[in-house]
Amino acid sequence: MGILALRADERVKNVHIDNVAIHVDLMDGRTISAPLVWFPRLANATQKQREQWEMCGGGYGIHWEEIDEDISTEGLLRGAPAFSR
């Protein structure tokens, strides 16, 4: 009997942000969520600014130009909140 091994693909597929959390859909079907309070720049941004994200780092990162914020899927998976710069 064969074993089906799914490959983890931690690249960003889509990003959804509400007033409570950031939700990142990964290419392998998982969704990572983290509290928005972990990311003060996103928490203080308008919804329009939050929606203006782009992938970076070969698909493993998310960048918001206007608010100068960058988040990696690695950091989200580790549960690493942003720090003040």
N, C-alpha and C. Protein backbone atom coordinates (compact mmCIF):
# COMPACT_ATOMS: atom_id res chain seq x y z
N MET A 1 0.84 -1.17 0.00
CA MET A 1 0.00 0.00 0.00
C MET A 1 0.89 1.24 0.00
N GLY A 2 0.62 2.17 -0.89
CA GLY A 2 1.41 3.39 -0.99
C GLY A 2 0.99 4.42 0.05
N ILE A 3 1.89 5.33 0.31
CA ILE A 3 1.61 6.41 1.23
C ILE A 3 1.59 7.72 0.46
N LEU A 4 0.53 8.46 0.61
CA LEU A 4 0.41 9.76 -0.05
C LEU A 4 1.04 10.81 0.86
N ALA A 5 2.12 11.40 0.41
CA ALA A 5 2.81 12.43 1.20
C ALA A 5 2.54 13.78 0.56
N LEU A 6 1.87 14.64 1.28
CA LEU A 6 1.61 15.98 0.79
C LEU A 6 2.82 16.84 1.06
N ARG A 7 3.14 17.70 0.13
CA ARG A 7 4.28 18.60 0.29
C ARG A 7 3.81 19.91 0.87
N ALA A 8 4.51 20.39 1.85
CA ALA A 8 4.23 21.69 2.42
C ALA A 8 4.68 22.76 1.42
N ASP A 9 3.82 23.72 1.18
CA ASP A 9 4.16 24.84 0.30
C ASP A 9 3.73 26.10 1.04
N GLU A 10 4.69 26.74 1.68
CA GLU A 10 4.41 27.87 2.56
C GLU A 10 4.38 29.21 1.84
N ARG A 11 4.26 29.18 0.52
CA ARG A 11 4.15 30.43 -0.23
C ARG A 11 2.74 31.01 -0.07
N VAL A 12 2.64 32.32 -0.16
CA VAL A 12 1.38 33.04 0.02
C VAL A 12 0.49 32.87 -1.21
N LYS A 13 -0.76 32.53 -0.96
CA LYS A 13 -1.75 32.48 -2.02
C LYS A 13 -2.68 33.70 -1.95
N ASN A 14 -3.11 34.04 -0.73
CA ASN A 14 -4.02 35.16 -0.55
C ASN A 14 -3.92 35.67 0.88
N VAL A 15 -4.33 36.92 1.09
CA VAL A 15 -4.30 37.54 2.41
C VAL A 15 -5.65 38.19 2.67
N HIS A 16 -6.20 37.96 3.87
CA HIS A 16 -7.45 38.57 4.31
C HIS A 16 -7.18 39.20 5.67
N ILE A 17 -7.59 40.43 5.84
CA ILE A 17 -7.40 41.10 7.13
C ILE A 17 -8.73 41.68 7.58
N ASP A 18 -9.13 41.35 8.80
CA ASP A 18 -10.33 41.95 9.38
C ASP A 18 -9.88 42.79 10.58
N ASN A 19 -10.79 43.23 11.40
CA ASN A 19 -10.44 44.08 12.53
C ASN A 19 -9.83 43.32 13.70
N VAL A 20 -9.74 42.00 13.59
CA VAL A 20 -9.24 41.18 14.68
C VAL A 20 -7.95 40.44 14.32
N ALA A 21 -7.81 40.01 13.08
CA ALA A 21 -6.68 39.14 12.72
C ALA A 21 -6.28 39.29 11.26
N ILE A 22 -5.07 38.81 10.98
CA ILE A 22 -4.62 38.63 9.61
C ILE A 22 -4.71 37.14 9.31
N HIS A 23 -5.22 36.80 8.15
CA HIS A 23 -5.39 35.42 7.72
C HIS A 23 -4.65 35.26 6.39
N VAL A 24 -3.70 34.35 6.36
CA VAL A 24 -2.89 34.13 5.16
C VAL A 24 -3.15 32.73 4.65
N ASP A 25 -3.68 32.64 3.44
CA ASP A 25 -3.89 31.35 2.78
C ASP A 25 -2.58 30.95 2.10
N LEU A 26 -2.14 29.73 2.36
CA LEU A 26 -0.92 29.21 1.76
C LEU A 26 -1.23 28.37 0.54
N MET A 27 -0.24 28.20 -0.31
CA MET A 27 -0.43 27.43 -1.54
C MET A 27 -0.79 25.98 -1.28
N ASP A 28 -0.41 25.44 -0.11
CA ASP A 28 -0.71 24.03 0.18
C ASP A 28 -2.08 23.83 0.82
N GLY A 29 -2.87 24.89 0.93
CA GLY A 29 -4.24 24.76 1.44
C GLY A 29 -4.42 25.18 2.89
N ARG A 30 -3.32 25.36 3.61
CA ARG A 30 -3.44 25.81 5.00
C ARG A 30 -3.74 27.30 5.05
N THR A 31 -4.32 27.72 6.18
CA THR A 31 -4.51 29.14 6.48
C THR A 31 -3.88 29.43 7.83
N ILE A 32 -3.03 30.45 7.87
CA ILE A 32 -2.39 30.89 9.11
C ILE A 32 -3.11 32.15 9.55
N SER A 33 -3.48 32.24 10.81
CA SER A 33 -4.09 33.44 11.36
C SER A 33 -3.29 33.91 12.55
N ALA A 34 -3.19 35.23 12.70
CA ALA A 34 -2.49 35.82 13.84
C ALA A 34 -3.26 37.07 14.26
N PRO A 35 -3.23 37.40 15.55
CA PRO A 35 -3.92 38.59 16.03
C PRO A 35 -3.36 39.85 15.38
N LEU A 36 -4.25 40.73 14.99
CA LEU A 36 -3.83 41.97 14.35
C LEU A 36 -3.01 42.84 15.29
N VAL A 37 -3.23 42.73 16.60
CA VAL A 37 -2.47 43.53 17.56
C VAL A 37 -0.98 43.18 17.53
N TRP A 38 -0.61 42.03 16.97
CA TRP A 38 0.80 41.67 16.82
C TRP A 38 1.50 42.54 15.79
N PHE A 39 0.72 43.22 14.95
CA PHE A 39 1.26 44.00 13.84
C PHE A 39 0.69 45.42 13.90
N PRO A 40 1.26 46.28 14.75
CA PRO A 40 0.70 47.62 14.98
C PRO A 40 0.50 48.45 13.71
N ARG A 41 1.40 48.31 12.76
CA ARG A 41 1.24 49.09 11.52
C ARG A 41 -0.01 48.66 10.76
N LEU A 42 -0.28 47.38 10.73
CA LEU A 42 -1.51 46.89 10.08
C LEU A 42 -2.73 47.27 10.90
N ALA A 43 -2.61 47.16 12.22
CA ALA A 43 -3.73 47.48 13.10
C ALA A 43 -4.14 48.94 12.96
N ASN A 44 -3.16 49.82 12.74
CA ASN A 44 -3.44 51.25 12.62
C ASN A 44 -3.73 51.70 11.20
N ALA A 45 -3.59 50.82 10.24
CA ALA A 45 -3.84 51.15 8.83
C ALA A 45 -5.33 51.13 8.52
N THR A 46 -5.69 51.83 7.46
CA THR A 46 -7.08 51.77 6.98
C THR A 46 -7.29 50.43 6.27
N GLN A 47 -8.53 50.05 6.09
CA GLN A 47 -8.82 48.80 5.39
C GLN A 47 -8.28 48.87 3.96
N LYS A 48 -8.36 50.03 3.34
CA LYS A 48 -7.84 50.18 1.98
C LYS A 48 -6.33 49.94 1.96
N GLN A 49 -5.61 50.48 2.94
CA GLN A 49 -4.16 50.25 3.02
C GLN A 49 -3.85 48.78 3.27
N ARG A 50 -4.64 48.13 4.09
CA ARG A 50 -4.44 46.70 4.39
C ARG A 50 -4.61 45.85 3.15
N GLU A 51 -5.48 46.25 2.27
CA GLU A 51 -5.76 45.48 1.05
C GLU A 51 -4.70 45.66 -0.02
N GLN A 52 -3.79 46.61 0.15
CA GLN A 52 -2.77 46.90 -0.86
C GLN A 52 -1.47 46.17 -0.55
N TRP A 53 -1.54 44.85 -0.48
CA TRP A 53 -0.38 44.02 -0.19
C TRP A 53 0.15 43.43 -1.49
N GLU A 54 1.39 43.01 -1.44
CA GLU A 54 1.99 42.30 -2.57
C GLU A 54 2.91 41.22 -2.02
N MET A 55 3.06 40.17 -2.80
CA MET A 55 3.97 39.10 -2.40
C MET A 55 5.40 39.56 -2.63
N CYS A 56 6.30 39.08 -1.78
CA CYS A 56 7.72 39.36 -1.94
C CYS A 56 8.49 38.13 -1.48
N GLY A 57 9.79 38.19 -1.60
CA GLY A 57 10.62 37.08 -1.12
C GLY A 57 10.30 35.75 -1.77
N GLY A 58 10.07 35.76 -3.08
CA GLY A 58 9.78 34.51 -3.77
C GLY A 58 8.45 33.89 -3.41
N GLY A 59 7.54 34.71 -2.85
CA GLY A 59 6.22 34.21 -2.47
C GLY A 59 6.10 33.85 -1.00
N TYR A 60 7.21 33.97 -0.25
CA TYR A 60 7.22 33.62 1.16
C TYR A 60 7.01 34.83 2.07
N GLY A 61 6.79 35.99 1.48
CA GLY A 61 6.59 37.20 2.26
C GLY A 61 5.46 38.04 1.73
N ILE A 62 5.01 38.96 2.58
CA ILE A 62 3.94 39.89 2.23
C ILE A 62 4.47 41.29 2.54
N HIS A 63 4.26 42.21 1.61
CA HIS A 63 4.77 43.58 1.76
C HIS A 63 3.64 44.58 1.54
N TRP A 64 3.60 45.60 2.41
CA TRP A 64 2.68 46.72 2.27
C TRP A 64 3.54 47.96 2.10
N GLU A 65 3.63 48.46 0.90
CA GLU A 65 4.50 49.60 0.58
C GLU A 65 4.13 50.85 1.38
N GLU A 66 2.86 51.22 1.35
CA GLU A 66 2.42 52.49 1.95
C GLU A 66 2.66 52.56 3.46
N ILE A 67 2.52 51.42 4.14
CA ILE A 67 2.69 51.45 5.60
C ILE A 67 4.03 50.85 6.04
N ASP A 68 4.88 50.50 5.07
CA ASP A 68 6.22 49.97 5.32
C ASP A 68 6.20 48.78 6.27
N GLU A 69 5.41 47.77 5.91
CA GLU A 69 5.29 46.55 6.72
C GLU A 69 5.65 45.34 5.88
N ASP A 70 6.36 44.40 6.48
CA ASP A 70 6.72 43.14 5.84
C ASP A 70 6.49 42.01 6.84
N ILE A 71 5.85 40.94 6.36
CA ILE A 71 5.59 39.77 7.19
C ILE A 71 5.96 38.54 6.36
N SER A 72 6.63 37.59 7.00
CA SER A 72 6.99 36.35 6.30
C SER A 72 6.09 35.21 6.79
N THR A 73 5.89 34.25 5.92
CA THR A 73 5.11 33.08 6.34
C THR A 73 5.88 32.31 7.41
N GLU A 74 7.20 32.33 7.34
CA GLU A 74 8.02 31.67 8.37
C GLU A 74 7.74 32.29 9.74
N GLY A 75 7.72 33.61 9.80
CA GLY A 75 7.43 34.30 11.06
C GLY A 75 6.04 34.00 11.58
N LEU A 76 5.07 33.98 10.67
CA LEU A 76 3.70 33.65 11.08
C LEU A 76 3.61 32.23 11.63
N LEU A 77 4.28 31.30 10.97
CA LEU A 77 4.25 29.91 11.42
C LEU A 77 4.95 29.74 12.77
N ARG A 78 5.96 30.56 13.04
CA ARG A 78 6.65 30.51 14.32
C ARG A 78 5.89 31.26 15.40
N GLY A 79 4.90 32.08 15.03
CA GLY A 79 4.16 32.87 16.00
C GLY A 79 4.94 34.08 16.47
N ALA A 80 5.68 34.69 15.55
CA ALA A 80 6.54 35.83 15.88
C ALA A 80 5.83 37.14 15.60
N PRO A 81 5.44 37.88 16.65
CA PRO A 81 4.84 39.19 16.43
C PRO A 81 5.87 40.20 15.92
N ALA A 82 5.38 41.26 15.28
CA ALA A 82 6.26 42.33 14.81
C ALA A 82 6.79 43.11 16.00
N PHE A 83 7.87 43.80 15.79
CA PHE A 83 8.42 44.67 16.82
C PHE A 83 8.41 46.10 16.31
N SER A 84 8.41 47.04 17.21
CA SER A 84 8.44 48.45 16.83
C SER A 84 9.80 48.80 16.28
N ARG A 85 9.80 49.56 15.17
CA ARG A 85 11.06 49.99 14.57
C ARG A 85 11.31 51.43 14.85
